[in-house]
Amino acid sequence: MNYKAILLLSAIPGSALFVLMGQQSTPSAVFTSDQAEAGRIAYENTCGKCHTPRLLGRNGDPGELPPISSLSQAYQKFIGPRGWVPPLAGPAFMSRWGSKTAAQLIARFKETIP
């Protein structure tokens, strides 16, 4: 085998290993557990009342939790008689909002949520 070919074949994996070892590791978590818990509580006390704790929205089906009847009159009026609220996660959400920015989503919240 040609000396240059052997050198090239050994240099490529060695270079890749060197690059991988030089990369900075990513942090294991973006939020602390306390921050995540605070976010969960804030969501459940606001958005989660309409969009449900699982972020899947409402279809107006019987048995959805929390029951619409348990919400304040203002929430019930906002949800309306259909009982439908769009999801904040999953394929339907991603098809509508996946290409948009967080700022666009927040602007939409501000214009539609009382």
Foldseek 3Di string as FASTA:
>chain_A
DDPVVVVVVVVVVVVVVVVVVPDDDDDPDPDDPVVVVVVLVVCCVPVCQQCNSVQAGWQQDPPGPPDLVPDDPLSVVLCDDRSTDHGPDDDVNCVVPVVDDPVVVVVVCVVRPD
